[in-house]
PDB file of N, CA and C in Angstrom:
ATOM      1  N   UNK A   1    -247.381 -21.847  98.190  1.00  0.00           N
ATOM      2  CA  UNK A   1    -245.939 -22.038  97.716  1.00  0.00           C
ATOM      3  C   UNK A   1    -245.886 -23.708  97.344  1.00  0.00           C
ATOM      4  N   UNK A   2    -246.385 -24.548  98.070  1.00  0.00           N
ATOM      5  CA  UNK A   2    -246.375 -25.981  97.730  1.00  0.00           C
ATOM      6  C   UNK A   2    -247.113 -26.187  96.534  1.00  0.00           C
ATOM      7  N   UNK A   3    -248.268 -25.671  96.317  1.00  0.00           N
ATOM      8  CA  UNK A   3    -249.024 -25.798  94.966  1.00  0.00           C
ATOM      9  C   UNK A   3    -248.397 -25.221  93.836  1.00  0.00           C
ATOM     10  N   UNK A   4    -247.509 -24.268  93.968  1.00  0.00           N
ATOM     11  CA  UNK A   4    -246.687 -23.700  92.842  1.00  0.00           C
ATOM     12  C   UNK A   4    -245.714 -24.759  92.436  1.00  0.00           C
ATOM     13  N   UNK A   5    -244.976 -25.160  93.430  1.00  0.00           N
ATOM     14  CA  UNK A   5    -243.970 -26.209  93.155  1.00  0.00           C
ATOM     15  C   UNK A   5    -244.520 -27.474  92.632  1.00  0.00           C
ATOM     16  N   UNK A   6    -245.612 -27.885  93.016  1.00  0.00           N
ATOM     17  CA  UNK A   6    -246.198 -29.014  92.353  1.00  0.00           C
ATOM     18  C   UNK A   6    -246.588 -28.806  90.944  1.00  0.00           C
ATOM     19  N   UNK A   7    -246.998 -27.625  90.646  1.00  0.00           N
ATOM     20  CA  UNK A   7    -247.653 -27.234  89.205  1.00  0.00           C
ATOM     21  C   UNK A   7    -246.242 -27.210  88.335  1.00  0.00           C
ATOM     22  N   UNK A   8    -245.237 -26.596  88.821  1.00  0.00           N
ATOM     23  CA  UNK A   8    -243.930 -26.528  88.059  1.00  0.00           C
ATOM     24  C   UNK A   8    -243.389 -28.013  87.770  1.00  0.00           C
ATOM     25  N   UNK A   9    -243.523 -28.749  88.883  1.00  0.00           N
ATOM     26  CA  UNK A   9    -242.858 -30.172  88.617  1.00  0.00           C
ATOM     27  C   UNK A   9    -243.771 -30.919  87.563  1.00  0.00           C
ATOM     28  N   UNK A  10    -245.109 -30.746  87.601  1.00  0.00           N
ATOM     29  CA  UNK A  10    -246.014 -31.373  86.559  1.00  0.00           C
ATOM     30  C   UNK A  10    -245.768 -30.910  85.155  1.00  0.00           C
ATOM     31  N   UNK A  11    -245.312 -29.636  85.036  1.00  0.00           N
ATOM     32  CA  UNK A  11    -245.074 -29.061  83.705  1.00  0.00           C
ATOM     33  C   UNK A  11    -243.753 -29.238  83.104  1.00  0.00           C
ATOM     34  N   UNK A  12    -242.839 -29.632  83.954  1.00  0.00           N
ATOM     35  CA  UNK A  12    -241.392 -29.862  83.563  1.00  0.00           C
ATOM     36  C   UNK A  12    -241.400 -31.022  82.599  1.00  0.00           C
ATOM     37  N   UNK A  13    -240.495 -31.005  81.490  1.00  0.00           N
ATOM     38  CA  UNK A  13    -240.489 -32.047  80.501  1.00  0.00           C
ATOM     39  C   UNK A  13    -239.954 -33.200  81.186  1.00  0.00           C
ATOM     40  N   UNK A  14    -240.413 -34.442  80.768  1.00  0.00           N
ATOM     41  CA  UNK A  14    -239.900 -35.765  81.332  1.00  0.00           C
ATOM     42  C   UNK A  14    -238.587 -35.978  80.719  1.00  0.00           C
ATOM     43  N   UNK A  15    -237.724 -36.568  81.521  1.00  0.00           N
ATOM     44  CA  UNK A  15    -236.353 -36.958  80.980  1.00  0.00           C
ATOM     45  C   UNK A  15    -236.414 -38.256  80.247  1.00  0.00           C
ATOM     46  N   UNK A  16    -235.869 -38.143  78.954  1.00  0.00           N
ATOM     47  CA  UNK A  16    -235.916 -39.347  78.163  1.00  0.00           C
ATOM     48  C   UNK A  16    -235.189 -40.489  78.737  1.00  0.00           C
ATOM     49  N   UNK A  17    -235.688 -41.677  78.685  1.00  0.00           N
ATOM     50  CA  UNK A  17    -235.089 -42.865  79.214  1.00  0.00           C
ATOM     51  C   UNK A  17    -234.286 -43.498  78.113  1.00  0.00           C
ATOM     52  N   UNK A  18    -232.949 -43.772  78.455  1.00  0.00           N
ATOM     53  CA  UNK A  18    -232.210 -44.458  77.409  1.00  0.00           C
ATOM     54  C   UNK A  18    -232.654 -45.836  77.286  1.00  0.00           C
ATOM     55  N   UNK A  19    -232.570 -46.480  76.013  1.00  0.00           N
ATOM     56  CA  UNK A  19    -233.157 -47.699  75.624  1.00  0.00           C
ATOM     57  C   UNK A  19    -231.901 -48.574  75.381  1.00  0.00           C
ATOM     58  N   UNK A  20    -232.171 -49.943  75.401  1.00  0.00           N
ATOM     59  CA  UNK A  20    -231.166 -50.824  75.025  1.00  0.00           C
ATOM     60  C   UNK A  20    -231.950 -51.751  73.994  1.00  0.00           C
ATOM     61  N   UNK A  21    -231.175 -51.868  72.823  1.00  0.00           N
ATOM     62  CA  UNK A  21    -231.736 -52.444  71.638  1.00  0.00           C
ATOM     63  C   UNK A  21    -230.817 -53.681  71.357  1.00  0.00           C
ATOM     64  N   UNK A  22    -231.431 -54.815  70.749  1.00  0.00           N
ATOM     65  CA  UNK A  22    -230.729 -56.015  70.618  1.00  0.00           C
ATOM     66  C   UNK A  22    -230.520 -56.340  69.076  1.00  0.00           C
ATOM     67  N   UNK A  23    -229.282 -56.847  68.971  1.00  0.00           N
ATOM     68  CA  UNK A  23    -228.964 -57.367  67.541  1.00  0.00           C
ATOM     69  C   UNK A  23    -228.490 -58.685  67.712  1.00  0.00           C
ATOM     70  N   UNK A  24    -228.949 -59.859  66.960  1.00  0.00           N
ATOM     71  CA  UNK A  24    -228.427 -61.125  67.218  1.00  0.00           C
ATOM     72  C   UNK A  24    -227.511 -61.391  65.986  1.00  0.00           C
ATOM     73  N   UNK A  25    -226.520 -62.239  66.329  1.00  0.00           N
ATOM     74  CA  UNK A  25    -225.587 -62.854  65.349  1.00  0.00           C
ATOM     75  C   UNK A  25    -226.058 -64.206  65.136  1.00  0.00           C
ATOM     76  N   UNK A  26    -226.829 -64.440  63.906  1.00  0.00           N
ATOM     77  CA  UNK A  26    -227.368 -65.817  63.765  1.00  0.00           C
ATOM     78  C   UNK A  26    -227.404 -66.090  62.317  1.00  0.00           C
ATOM     79  N   UNK A  27    -227.036 -67.319  61.928  1.00  0.00           N
ATOM     80  CA  UNK A  27    -226.985 -67.781  60.639  1.00  0.00           C
ATOM     81  C   UNK A  27    -225.962 -66.898  59.687  1.00  0.00           C
ATOM     82  N   UNK A  28    -224.886 -66.563  60.529  1.00  0.00           N
ATOM     83  CA  UNK A  28    -223.804 -65.747  59.820  1.00  0.00           C
ATOM     84  C   UNK A  28    -224.412 -64.334  59.364  1.00  0.00           C
ATOM     85  N   UNK A  29    -225.262 -63.794  60.062  1.00  0.00           N
ATOM     86  CA  UNK A  29    -225.916 -62.444  59.682  1.00  0.00           C
ATOM     87  C   UNK A  29    -226.148 -61.656  60.906  1.00  0.00           C
ATOM     88  N   UNK A  30    -226.037 -60.339  60.872  1.00  0.00           N
ATOM     89  CA  UNK A  30    -226.554 -59.446  61.991  1.00  0.00           C
ATOM     90  C   UNK A  30    -228.053 -59.279  61.755  1.00  0.00           C
ATOM     91  N   UNK A  31    -228.852 -59.407  62.743  1.00  0.00           N
ATOM     92  CA  UNK A  31    -230.356 -59.278  62.690  1.00  0.00           C
ATOM     93  C   UNK A  31    -230.707 -58.419  63.836  1.00  0.00           C
ATOM     94  N   UNK A  32    -231.365 -57.209  63.528  1.00  0.00           N
ATOM     95  CA  UNK A  32    -231.512 -56.590  62.204  1.00  0.00           C
ATOM     96  C   UNK A  32    -230.130 -56.175  61.718  1.00  0.00           C
ATOM     97  N   UNK A  33    -230.022 -56.040  60.407  1.00  0.00           N
ATOM     98  CA  UNK A  33    -228.791 -55.622  59.878  1.00  0.00           C
ATOM     99  C   UNK A  33    -228.549 -53.992  59.996  1.00  0.00           C
ATOM    100  N   UNK A  34    -229.682 -53.211  60.127  1.00  0.00           N
ATOM    101  CA  UNK A  34    -229.614 -51.801  60.364  1.00  0.00           C
ATOM    102  C   UNK A  34    -230.509 -51.452  61.509  1.00  0.00           C
ATOM    103  N   UNK A  35    -230.196 -50.689  62.358  1.00  0.00           N
ATOM    104  CA  UNK A  35    -230.865 -50.371  63.529  1.00  0.00           C
ATOM    105  C   UNK A  35    -230.754 -48.815  63.901  1.00  0.00           C
ATOM    106  N   UNK A  36    -232.032 -48.159  64.074  1.00  0.00           N
ATOM    107  CA  UNK A  36    -231.952 -46.733  64.350  1.00  0.00           C
ATOM    108  C   UNK A  36    -232.168 -46.489  65.826  1.00  0.00           C
ATOM    109  N   UNK A  37    -231.558 -45.706  66.561  1.00  0.00           N
ATOM    110  CA  UNK A  37    -231.525 -45.389  67.958  1.00  0.00           C
ATOM    111  C   UNK A  37    -231.394 -44.093  68.314  1.00  0.00           C
ATOM    112  N   UNK A  38    -231.639 -43.647  69.381  1.00  0.00           N
ATOM    113  CA  UNK A  38    -231.316 -42.330  70.092  1.00  0.00           C
ATOM    114  C   UNK A  38    -229.955 -42.215  70.616  1.00  0.00           C
ATOM    115  N   UNK A  39    -229.373 -41.006  70.599  1.00  0.00           N
ATOM    116  CA  UNK A  39    -228.068 -40.802  71.258  1.00  0.00           C
ATOM    117  C   UNK A  39    -228.306 -41.173  72.743  1.00  0.00           C
ATOM    118  N   UNK A  40    -227.446 -41.813  73.301  1.00  0.00           N
ATOM    119  CA  UNK A  40    -227.500 -42.257  74.757  1.00  0.00           C
ATOM    120  C   UNK A  40    -228.026 -43.760  74.851  1.00  0.00           C
ATOM    121  N   UNK A  41    -228.518 -44.253  73.757  1.00  0.00           N
ATOM    122  CA  UNK A  41    -229.087 -45.638  73.709  1.00  0.00           C
ATOM    123  C   UNK A  41    -227.926 -46.652  73.660  1.00  0.00           C
ATOM    124  N   UNK A  42    -228.169 -47.896  74.152  1.00  0.00           N
ATOM    125  CA  UNK A  42    -227.172 -48.975  74.071  1.00  0.00           C
ATOM    126  C   UNK A  42    -227.620 -50.039  73.052  1.00  0.00           C
ATOM    127  N   UNK A  43    -226.712 -50.622  72.332  1.00  0.00           N
ATOM    128  CA  UNK A  43    -226.986 -51.790  71.535  1.00  0.00           C
ATOM    129  C   UNK A  43    -226.254 -52.948  72.122  1.00  0.00           C
ATOM    130  N   UNK A  44    -226.971 -54.088  72.192  1.00  0.00           N
ATOM    131  CA  UNK A  44    -226.349 -55.342  72.621  1.00  0.00           C
ATOM    132  C   UNK A  44    -226.341 -56.442  71.556  1.00  0.00           C
ATOM    133  N   UNK A  45    -225.133 -56.876  71.259  1.00  0.00           N
ATOM    134  CA  UNK A  45    -225.061 -57.912  70.273  1.00  0.00           C
ATOM    135  C   UNK A  45    -225.038 -59.278  70.986  1.00  0.00           C
ATOM    136  N   UNK A  46    -225.669 -60.312  70.494  1.00  0.00           N
ATOM    137  CA  UNK A  46    -225.599 -61.638  71.123  1.00  0.00           C
ATOM    138  C   UNK A  46    -225.374 -62.592  69.971  1.00  0.00           C
ATOM    139  N   UNK A  47    -224.301 -63.410  70.259  1.00  0.00           N
ATOM    140  CA  UNK A  47    -223.953 -64.450  69.286  1.00  0.00           C
ATOM    141  C   UNK A  47    -224.755 -65.674  69.576  1.00  0.00           C
ATOM    142  N   UNK A  48    -225.492 -66.094  68.453  1.00  0.00           N
ATOM    143  CA  UNK A  48    -226.449 -67.215  68.562  1.00  0.00           C
ATOM    144  C   UNK A  48    -225.932 -68.340  67.719  1.00  0.00           C
ATOM    145  N   UNK A  49    -224.742 -68.184  67.127  1.00  0.00           N
ATOM    146  CA  UNK A  49    -224.179 -69.119  66.240  1.00  0.00           C
ATOM    147  C   UNK A  49    -223.036 -69.986  67.106  1.00  0.00           C
ATOM    148  N   UNK A  50    -222.750 -71.124  66.374  1.00  0.00           N
ATOM    149  CA  UNK A  50    -221.636 -71.908  66.863  1.00  0.00           C
ATOM    150  C   UNK A  50    -220.430 -71.252  66.553  1.00  0.00           C
ATOM    151  N   UNK A  51    -220.172 -70.680  65.359  1.00  0.00           N
ATOM    152  CA  UNK A  51    -219.117 -69.817  65.074  1.00  0.00           C
ATOM    153  C   UNK A  51    -218.895 -68.600  65.803  1.00  0.00           C
ATOM    154  N   UNK A  52    -217.562 -68.251  66.095  1.00  0.00           N
ATOM    155  CA  UNK A  52    -217.314 -67.125  66.806  1.00  0.00           C
ATOM    156  C   UNK A  52    -217.478 -65.938  65.841  1.00  0.00           C
ATOM    157  N   UNK A  53    -217.933 -64.685  66.478  1.00  0.00           N
ATOM    158  CA  UNK A  53    -218.139 -63.518  65.737  1.00  0.00           C
ATOM    159  C   UNK A  53    -217.499 -62.334  66.635  1.00  0.00           C
ATOM    160  N   UNK A  54    -217.451 -61.171  65.996  1.00  0.00           N
ATOM    161  CA  UNK A  54    -217.107 -59.908  66.693  1.00  0.00           C
ATOM    162  C   UNK A  54    -217.752 -58.840  65.891  1.00  0.00           C
ATOM    163  N   UNK A  55    -217.824 -57.716  66.495  1.00  0.00           N
ATOM    164  CA  UNK A  55    -218.319 -56.418  65.942  1.00  0.00           C
ATOM    165  C   UNK A  55    -217.274 -55.471  65.790  1.00  0.00           C
ATOM    166  N   UNK A  56    -216.941 -55.022  64.563  1.00  0.00           N
ATOM    167  CA  UNK A  56    -215.715 -54.106  64.467  1.00  0.00           C
ATOM    168  C   UNK A  56    -216.269 -52.722  63.759  1.00  0.00           C
ATOM    169  N   UNK A  57    -216.209 -51.664  64.501  1.00  0.00           N
ATOM    170  CA  UNK A  57    -216.506 -50.462  63.884  1.00  0.00           C
ATOM    171  C   UNK A  57    -215.315 -49.514  63.434  1.00  0.00           C
ATOM    172  N   UNK A  58    -214.199 -50.100  63.397  1.00  0.00           N
ATOM    173  CA  UNK A  58    -212.974 -49.462  63.123  1.00  0.00           C
ATOM    174  C   UNK A  58    -212.353 -48.761  64.245  1.00  0.00           C
ATOM    175  N   UNK A  59    -213.119 -47.737  64.772  1.00  0.00           N
ATOM    176  CA  UNK A  59    -212.497 -47.091  65.964  1.00  0.00           C
ATOM    177  C   UNK A  59    -212.581 -47.894  67.263  1.00  0.00           C
ATOM    178  N   UNK A  60    -213.632 -48.792  67.291  1.00  0.00           N
ATOM    179  CA  UNK A  60    -213.725 -49.613  68.496  1.00  0.00           C
ATOM    180  C   UNK A  60    -214.248 -50.973  67.929  1.00  0.00           C
ATOM    181  N   UNK A  61    -214.081 -52.077  68.749  1.00  0.00           N
ATOM    182  CA  UNK A  61    -214.437 -53.299  68.391  1.00  0.00           C
ATOM    183  C   UNK A  61    -214.754 -54.190  69.668  1.00  0.00           C
ATOM    184  N   UNK A  62    -215.451 -55.256  69.444  1.00  0.00           N
ATOM    185  CA  UNK A  62    -215.765 -56.216  70.629  1.00  0.00           C
ATOM    186  C   UNK A  62    -214.630 -57.271  70.603  1.00  0.00           C
ATOM    187  N   UNK A  63    -214.524 -57.992  71.593  1.00  0.00           N
ATOM    188  CA  UNK A  63    -213.753 -59.162  71.652  1.00  0.00           C
ATOM    189  C   UNK A  63    -214.501 -60.212  70.808  1.00  0.00           C
ATOM    190  N   UNK A  64    -213.724 -61.318  70.383  1.00  0.00           N
ATOM    191  CA  UNK A  64    -214.395 -62.442  69.766  1.00  0.00           C
ATOM    192  C   UNK A  64    -215.504 -63.070  70.704  1.00  0.00           C
ATOM    193  N   UNK A  65    -216.643 -63.246  70.151  1.00  0.00           N
ATOM    194  CA  UNK A  65    -217.785 -63.758  71.073  1.00  0.00           C
ATOM    195  C   UNK A  65    -218.080 -65.262  70.723  1.00  0.00           C
ATOM    196  N   UNK A  66    -218.145 -66.051  71.640  1.00  0.00           N
ATOM    197  CA  UNK A  66    -218.545 -67.464  71.460  1.00  0.00           C
ATOM    198  C   UNK A  66    -220.153 -67.475  71.529  1.00  0.00           C
ATOM    199  N   UNK A  67    -220.804 -68.514  71.277  1.00  0.00           N
ATOM    200  CA  UNK A  67    -222.214 -68.783  71.276  1.00  0.00           C
ATOM    201  C   UNK A  67    -222.716 -68.355  72.772  1.00  0.00           C
ATOM    202  N   UNK A  68    -223.654 -67.503  72.850  1.00  0.00           N
ATOM    203  CA  UNK A  68    -224.286 -67.166  74.041  1.00  0.00           C
ATOM    204  C   UNK A  68    -223.627 -65.880  74.612  1.00  0.00           C
ATOM    205  N   UNK A  69    -222.501 -65.414  74.185  1.00  0.00           N
ATOM    206  CA  UNK A  69    -221.785 -64.270  74.734  1.00  0.00           C
ATOM    207  C   UNK A  69    -222.413 -63.013  74.131  1.00  0.00           C
ATOM    208  N   UNK A  70    -222.231 -61.825  74.852  1.00  0.00           N
ATOM    209  CA  UNK A  70    -222.817 -60.642  74.253  1.00  0.00           C
ATOM    210  C   UNK A  70    -221.767 -59.556  74.436  1.00  0.00           C
ATOM    211  N   UNK A  71    -222.037 -58.505  73.583  1.00  0.00           N
ATOM    212  CA  UNK A  71    -221.194 -57.221  73.677  1.00  0.00           C
ATOM    213  C   UNK A  71    -222.195 -56.104  73.705  1.00  0.00           C
ATOM    214  N   UNK A  72    -221.891 -55.029  74.560  1.00  0.00           N
ATOM    215  CA  UNK A  72    -222.810 -53.753  74.420  1.00  0.00           C
ATOM    216  C   UNK A  72    -221.934 -52.649  74.260  1.00  0.00           C
ATOM    217  N   UNK A  73    -222.509 -51.618  73.577  1.00  0.00           N
ATOM    218  CA  UNK A  73    -221.950 -50.393  73.315  1.00  0.00           C
ATOM    219  C   UNK A  73    -223.046 -49.327  73.486  1.00  0.00           C
ATOM    220  N   UNK A  74    -222.699 -48.196  74.151  1.00  0.00           N
ATOM    221  CA  UNK A  74    -223.625 -47.097  74.336  1.00  0.00           C
ATOM    222  C   UNK A  74    -223.164 -46.059  73.305  1.00  0.00           C
ATOM    223  N   UNK A  75    -223.972 -45.464  72.495  1.00  0.00           N
ATOM    224  CA  UNK A  75    -223.649 -44.538  71.460  1.00  0.00           C
ATOM    225  C   UNK A  75    -224.115 -43.203  71.959  1.00  0.00           C
ATOM    226  N   UNK A  76    -223.196 -42.254  72.149  1.00  0.00           N
ATOM    227  CA  UNK A  76    -223.437 -40.993  72.628  1.00  0.00           C
ATOM    228  C   UNK A  76    -223.632 -39.925  71.597  1.00  0.00           C
ATOM    229  N   UNK A  77    -223.092 -40.058  70.391  1.00  0.00           N
ATOM    230  CA  UNK A  77    -222.991 -39.175  69.354  1.00  0.00           C
ATOM    231  C   UNK A  77    -223.804 -39.524  68.311  1.00  0.00           C
ATOM    232  N   UNK A  78    -224.570 -38.488  67.761  1.00  0.00           N
ATOM    233  CA  UNK A  78    -225.449 -38.848  66.495  1.00  0.00           C
ATOM    234  C   UNK A  78    -224.492 -39.031  65.268  1.00  0.00           C
ATOM    235  N   UNK A  79    -224.955 -40.027  64.428  1.00  0.00           N
ATOM    236  CA  UNK A  79    -224.188 -40.359  63.226  1.00  0.00           C
ATOM    237  C   UNK A  79    -224.500 -41.623  62.695  1.00  0.00           C
ATOM    238  N   UNK A  80    -223.902 -42.174  61.652  1.00  0.00           N
ATOM    239  CA  UNK A  80    -224.086 -43.447  61.122  1.00  0.00           C
ATOM    240  C   UNK A  80    -222.835 -44.228  61.362  1.00  0.00           C
ATOM    241  N   UNK A  81    -223.076 -45.428  61.945  1.00  0.00           N
ATOM    242  CA  UNK A  81    -221.859 -46.207  62.300  1.00  0.00           C
ATOM    243  C   UNK A  81    -221.891 -47.582  61.621  1.00  0.00           C
ATOM    244  N   UNK A  82    -221.115 -47.836  60.633  1.00  0.00           N
ATOM    245  CA  UNK A  82    -221.144 -49.099  59.841  1.00  0.00           C
ATOM    246  C   UNK A  82    -220.163 -50.068  60.611  1.00  0.00           C
ATOM    247  N   UNK A  83    -220.614 -51.348  60.640  1.00  0.00           N
ATOM    248  CA  UNK A  83    -219.669 -52.333  61.370  1.00  0.00           C
ATOM    249  C   UNK A  83    -219.604 -53.667  60.585  1.00  0.00           C
ATOM    250  N   UNK A  84    -218.594 -54.552  60.857  1.00  0.00           N
ATOM    251  CA  UNK A  84    -218.473 -55.739  60.165  1.00  0.00           C
ATOM    252  C   UNK A  84    -217.903 -56.798  61.200  1.00  0.00           C
ATOM    253  N   UNK A  85    -218.145 -58.133  60.892  1.00  0.00           N
ATOM    254  CA  UNK A  85    -217.492 -59.109  61.574  1.00  0.00           C
ATOM    255  C   UNK A  85    -216.217 -59.372  60.972  1.00  0.00           C
ATOM    256  N   UNK A  86    -215.034 -59.299  61.830  1.00  0.00           N
ATOM    257  CA  UNK A  86    -213.722 -59.529  61.196  1.00  0.00           C
ATOM    258  C   UNK A  86    -213.669 -60.992  60.717  1.00  0.00           C
ATOM    259  N   UNK A  87    -214.321 -61.935  61.452  1.00  0.00           N
ATOM    260  CA  UNK A  87    -214.198 -63.333  61.089  1.00  0.00           C
ATOM    261  C   UNK A  87    -214.887 -63.689  59.679  1.00  0.00           C
ATOM    262  N   UNK A  88    -216.028 -62.992  59.549  1.00  0.00           N
ATOM    263  CA  UNK A  88    -216.804 -63.243  58.478  1.00  0.00           C
ATOM    264  C   UNK A  88    -217.125 -61.872  57.800  1.00  0.00           C
ATOM    265  N   UNK A  89    -216.364 -61.305  57.043  1.00  0.00           N
ATOM    266  CA  UNK A  89    -216.497 -59.883  56.391  1.00  0.00           C
ATOM    267  C   UNK A  89    -217.666 -59.627  55.628  1.00  0.00           C
ATOM    268  N   UNK A  90    -218.403 -60.791  55.311  1.00  0.00           N
ATOM    269  CA  UNK A  90    -219.626 -60.437  54.446  1.00  0.00           C
ATOM    270  C   UNK A  90    -220.738 -60.144  55.440  1.00  0.00           C
ATOM    271  N   UNK A  91    -220.606 -60.287  56.764  1.00  0.00           N
ATOM    272  CA  UNK A  91    -221.544 -59.897  57.756  1.00  0.00           C
ATOM    273  C   UNK A  91    -221.320 -58.495  58.031  1.00  0.00           C
ATOM    274  N   UNK A  92    -222.286 -57.721  57.551  1.00  0.00           N
ATOM    275  CA  UNK A  92    -222.233 -56.249  57.796  1.00  0.00           C
ATOM    276  C   UNK A  92    -223.459 -55.684  58.507  1.00  0.00           C
ATOM    277  N   UNK A  93    -223.267 -54.652  59.232  1.00  0.00           N
ATOM    278  CA  UNK A  93    -224.472 -53.989  59.817  1.00  0.00           C
ATOM    279  C   UNK A  93    -224.279 -52.495  60.061  1.00  0.00           C
ATOM    280  N   UNK A  94    -225.217 -51.844  60.463  1.00  0.00           N
ATOM    281  CA  UNK A  94    -225.332 -50.328  60.519  1.00  0.00           C
ATOM    282  C   UNK A  94    -226.092 -49.847  61.742  1.00  0.00           C
ATOM    283  N   UNK A  95    -225.533 -49.034  62.509  1.00  0.00           N
ATOM    284  CA  UNK A  95    -226.270 -48.332  63.551  1.00  0.00           C
ATOM    285  C   UNK A  95    -226.374 -46.938  63.252  1.00  0.00           C
ATOM    286  N   UNK A  96    -227.689 -46.409  63.033  1.00  0.00           N
ATOM    287  CA  UNK A  96    -228.016 -44.924  62.864  1.00  0.00           C
ATOM    288  C   UNK A  96    -228.299 -44.321  64.241  1.00  0.00           C
ATOM    289  N   UNK A  97    -227.704 -43.345  64.632  1.00  0.00           N
ATOM    290  CA  UNK A  97    -227.869 -42.625  65.976  1.00  0.00           C
ATOM    291  C   UNK A  97    -228.365 -41.286  65.598  1.00  0.00           C
ATOM    292  N   UNK A  98    -229.654 -40.919  66.195  1.00  0.00           N
ATOM    293  CA  UNK A  98    -230.258 -39.792  65.882  1.00  0.00           C
ATOM    294  C   UNK A  98    -230.133 -38.812  67.068  1.00  0.00           C
TER     295      UNK A  98
END
């Protein structure tokens, strides 16, 4: 019986581990500008600039971030999510969730 349980446990698919991906706000750009992740993954934006930035997806947005501050969001649903910095609307990015 113990051997059967051990074999079943070994054959069970491994549970996917959620990942955290990083996007920098530097030189008035999001780097990388486009990122592809899996549903359940988290993206963390870090402001590396002296200027304040935010991340606005329309349906949700970050607070205004000073240098060194971060904002994280976990994406649960597949889709393409475009975002912009409200302070600098030429700063644009995209998260593709598979």
